[in-house]
Amino acid sequence: MAGCGGCGEIFLTGKALELLEALGEYAFLPLGERNGRPLYISESGEEFSNAVLALKLSGLITVDYDIPLSGFDYKDFVNCTRLGSMALTARGQAALEAVDTQGVEP
């Protein structure tokens, strides 16, 4: 995923878009950290880790390992060194609205 800097255009991978849309639906999602990489649900894998990192670096989401979701059962986050949450930023919400309005180009 990359942005052009001045034009405001953002390129999202399929996993990054999936994650952005899930955050648009649920507001907050659980997150863990294992081996220095973000872990999103048990099926995370490298694609989701890269999507979380790309969205964070683009300023579309916040990642807070200090703020786990209250009442969420983190049992699937085995061997995680930290547990936390992620959420859309204002820029992320605007990007999600643009995707909904303009659609997605291949």
C-alpha atoms as a PDB file:
ATOM      1  CA  MET A   1       0.000   0.000   0.000  1.00  0.00           C
ATOM      2  CA  ALA A   2       1.316   3.439  -0.805  1.00  0.00           C
ATOM      3  CA  GLY A   3       0.067   6.960  -1.119  1.00  0.00           C
ATOM      4  CA  CYS A   4       1.314   9.539  -3.561  1.00  0.00           C
ATOM      5  CA  GLY A   5       1.841  12.103  -0.831  1.00  0.00           C
ATOM      6  CA  GLY A   6       0.372  15.267  -2.337  1.00  0.00           C
ATOM      7  CA  CYS A   7      -2.534  13.945  -4.389  1.00  0.00           C
ATOM      8  CA  GLY A   8      -4.395  12.276  -1.540  1.00  0.00           C
ATOM      9  CA  GLU A   9      -4.671   9.000  -3.445  1.00  0.00           C
ATOM     10  CA  ILE A  10      -4.272   5.854  -1.344  1.00  0.00           C
ATOM     11  CA  PHE A  11      -3.690   2.362  -2.645  1.00  0.00           C
ATOM     12  CA  LEU A  12      -4.982  -0.493  -0.486  1.00  0.00           C
ATOM     13  CA  THR A  13      -4.299  -4.202  -0.681  1.00  0.00           C
ATOM     14  CA  GLY A  14      -7.296  -6.504  -0.466  1.00  0.00           C
ATOM     15  CA  LYS A  15      -6.470  -7.384   3.151  1.00  0.00           C
ATOM     16  CA  ALA A  16      -5.990  -3.712   4.097  1.00  0.00           C
ATOM     17  CA  LEU A  17      -9.371  -2.838   2.574  1.00  0.00           C
ATOM     18  CA  GLU A  18     -10.984  -5.792   4.352  1.00  0.00           C
ATOM     19  CA  LEU A  19      -9.549  -4.609   7.649  1.00  0.00           C
ATOM     20  CA  LEU A  20     -10.563  -0.988   7.007  1.00  0.00           C
ATOM     21  CA  GLU A  21     -14.134  -2.085   6.240  1.00  0.00           C
ATOM     22  CA  ALA A  22     -14.257  -4.228   9.392  1.00  0.00           C
ATOM     23  CA  LEU A  23     -13.169  -1.212  11.434  1.00  0.00           C
ATOM     24  CA  GLY A  24     -15.872   0.837   9.748  1.00  0.00           C
ATOM     25  CA  GLU A  25     -18.409  -1.721  10.912  1.00  0.00           C
ATOM     26  CA  TYR A  26     -17.151  -2.428  14.447  1.00  0.00           C
ATOM     27  CA  ALA A  27     -15.251   0.777  15.426  1.00  0.00           C
ATOM     28  CA  PHE A  28     -12.674  -1.158  17.491  1.00  0.00           C
ATOM     29  CA  LEU A  29     -11.013  -4.493  16.804  1.00  0.00           C
ATOM     30  CA  PRO A  30      -8.773  -6.604  19.034  1.00  0.00           C
ATOM     31  CA  LEU A  31      -5.078  -6.799  18.341  1.00  0.00           C
ATOM     32  CA  GLY A  32      -2.123  -8.678  19.731  1.00  0.00           C
ATOM     33  CA  GLU A  33       1.592  -8.529  19.198  1.00  0.00           C
ATOM     34  CA  ARG A  34       3.719 -11.594  18.598  1.00  0.00           C
ATOM     35  CA  ASN A  35       7.389 -11.500  17.647  1.00  0.00           C
ATOM     36  CA  GLY A  36       7.172  -7.736  17.176  1.00  0.00           C
ATOM     37  CA  ARG A  37       4.373  -8.042  14.588  1.00  0.00           C
ATOM     38  CA  PRO A  38       0.682  -7.193  14.933  1.00  0.00           C
ATOM     39  CA  LEU A  39      -1.679 -10.152  15.139  1.00  0.00           C
ATOM     40  CA  TYR A  40      -5.311  -9.695  14.157  1.00  0.00           C
ATOM     41  CA  ILE A  41      -7.457 -12.727  14.987  1.00  0.00           C
ATOM     42  CA  SER A  42      -6.090 -16.254  14.953  1.00  0.00           C
ATOM     43  CA  GLU A  43      -5.740 -16.492  11.156  1.00  0.00           C
ATOM     44  CA  SER A  44      -3.640 -13.354  10.932  1.00  0.00           C
ATOM     45  CA  GLY A  45      -0.538 -14.363   9.074  1.00  0.00           C
ATOM     46  CA  GLU A  46       1.819 -12.020   7.319  1.00  0.00           C
ATOM     47  CA  GLU A  47      -0.799 -10.477   5.004  1.00  0.00           C
ATOM     48  CA  PHE A  48      -2.859  -9.154   7.921  1.00  0.00           C
ATOM     49  CA  SER A  49       0.244  -8.046   9.808  1.00  0.00           C
ATOM     50  CA  ASN A  50       1.392  -6.100   6.754  1.00  0.00           C
ATOM     51  CA  ALA A  51      -2.091  -4.623   6.298  1.00  0.00           C
ATOM     52  CA  VAL A  52      -2.192  -3.423   9.918  1.00  0.00           C
ATOM     53  CA  LEU A  53       1.273  -1.892   9.593  1.00  0.00           C
ATOM     54  CA  ALA A  54       0.453  -0.211   6.274  1.00  0.00           C
ATOM     55  CA  LEU A  55      -2.818   1.249   7.563  1.00  0.00           C
ATOM     56  CA  LYS A  56      -1.054   2.513  10.683  1.00  0.00           C
ATOM     57  CA  LEU A  57       1.808   4.078   8.721  1.00  0.00           C
ATOM     58  CA  SER A  58      -0.696   5.740   6.376  1.00  0.00           C
ATOM     59  CA  GLY A  59      -2.487   7.287   9.349  1.00  0.00           C
ATOM     60  CA  LEU A  60      -5.724   5.428   8.611  1.00  0.00           C
ATOM     61  CA  ILE A  61      -5.836   3.514  11.899  1.00  0.00           C
ATOM     62  CA  THR A  62      -4.475   3.764  15.409  1.00  0.00           C
ATOM     63  CA  VAL A  63      -2.871   0.783  17.089  1.00  0.00           C
ATOM     64  CA  ASP A  64      -2.942   0.818  20.881  1.00  0.00           C
ATOM     65  CA  TYR A  65      -1.276  -2.124  22.593  1.00  0.00           C
ATOM     66  CA  ASP A  66      -1.958  -0.401  25.917  1.00  0.00           C
ATOM     67  CA  ILE A  67      -5.743  -0.448  25.462  1.00  0.00           C
ATOM     68  CA  PRO A  68      -7.219  -3.959  25.266  1.00  0.00           C
ATOM     69  CA  LEU A  69     -10.934  -4.186  24.558  1.00  0.00           C
ATOM     70  CA  SER A  70     -12.909  -4.392  27.770  1.00  0.00           C
ATOM     71  CA  GLY A  71     -14.826  -7.646  28.014  1.00  0.00           C
ATOM     72  CA  PHE A  72     -13.211  -9.185  24.914  1.00  0.00           C
ATOM     73  CA  ASP A  73     -11.952 -12.754  25.297  1.00  0.00           C
ATOM     74  CA  TYR A  74      -8.401 -12.754  23.932  1.00  0.00           C
ATOM     75  CA  LYS A  75      -8.085 -16.565  24.203  1.00  0.00           C
ATOM     76  CA  ASP A  76      -7.233 -16.904  20.479  1.00  0.00           C
ATOM     77  CA  PHE A  77      -4.272 -14.553  20.869  1.00  0.00           C
ATOM     78  CA  VAL A  78      -1.926 -17.288  22.074  1.00  0.00           C
ATOM     79  CA  ASN A  79       1.687 -16.378  22.821  1.00  0.00           C
ATOM     80  CA  CYS A  80       1.085 -12.660  22.294  1.00  0.00           C
ATOM     81  CA  THR A  81       3.389 -10.434  24.298  1.00  0.00           C
ATOM     82  CA  ARG A  82       0.916  -7.532  24.279  1.00  0.00           C
ATOM     83  CA  LEU A  83      -2.849  -7.253  23.813  1.00  0.00           C
ATOM     84  CA  GLY A  84      -4.596  -4.145  22.592  1.00  0.00           C
ATOM     85  CA  SER A  85      -6.964  -2.690  20.035  1.00  0.00           C
ATOM     86  CA  MET A  86      -7.093  -0.751  16.805  1.00  0.00           C
ATOM     87  CA  ALA A  87      -9.520   1.847  15.476  1.00  0.00           C
ATOM     88  CA  LEU A  88     -10.082   4.136  12.509  1.00  0.00           C
ATOM     89  CA  THR A  89      -8.645   7.634  12.563  1.00  0.00           C
ATOM     90  CA  ALA A  90     -10.530  10.562  11.033  1.00  0.00           C
ATOM     91  CA  ARG A  91      -8.398  10.074   7.914  1.00  0.00           C
ATOM     92  CA  GLY A  92      -9.315   6.385   7.891  1.00  0.00           C
ATOM     93  CA  GLN A  93     -13.010   7.209   8.143  1.00  0.00           C
ATOM     94  CA  ALA A  94     -12.670   9.642   5.229  1.00  0.00           C
ATOM     95  CA  ALA A  95     -10.835   7.002   3.173  1.00  0.00           C
ATOM     96  CA  LEU A  96     -13.540   4.456   3.919  1.00  0.00           C
ATOM     97  CA  GLU A  97     -16.258   6.926   2.898  1.00  0.00           C
ATOM     98  CA  ALA A  98     -14.361   7.637  -0.337  1.00  0.00           C
ATOM     99  CA  VAL A  99     -14.212   3.900  -1.075  1.00  0.00           C
ATOM    100  CA  ASP A 100     -17.952   3.615  -0.440  1.00  0.00           C
ATOM    101  CA  THR A 101     -18.665   6.632  -2.670  1.00  0.00           C
ATOM    102  CA  GLN A 102     -16.162   6.119  -5.458  1.00  0.00           C
ATOM    103  CA  GLY A 103     -15.894   2.351  -5.398  1.00  0.00           C
ATOM    104  CA  VAL A 104     -12.784   0.291  -5.748  1.00  0.00           C
ATOM    105  CA  GLU A 105     -10.700   0.139  -8.873  1.00  0.00           C
ATOM    106  CA  PRO A 106      -8.723  -3.044  -9.642  1.00  0.00           C
END
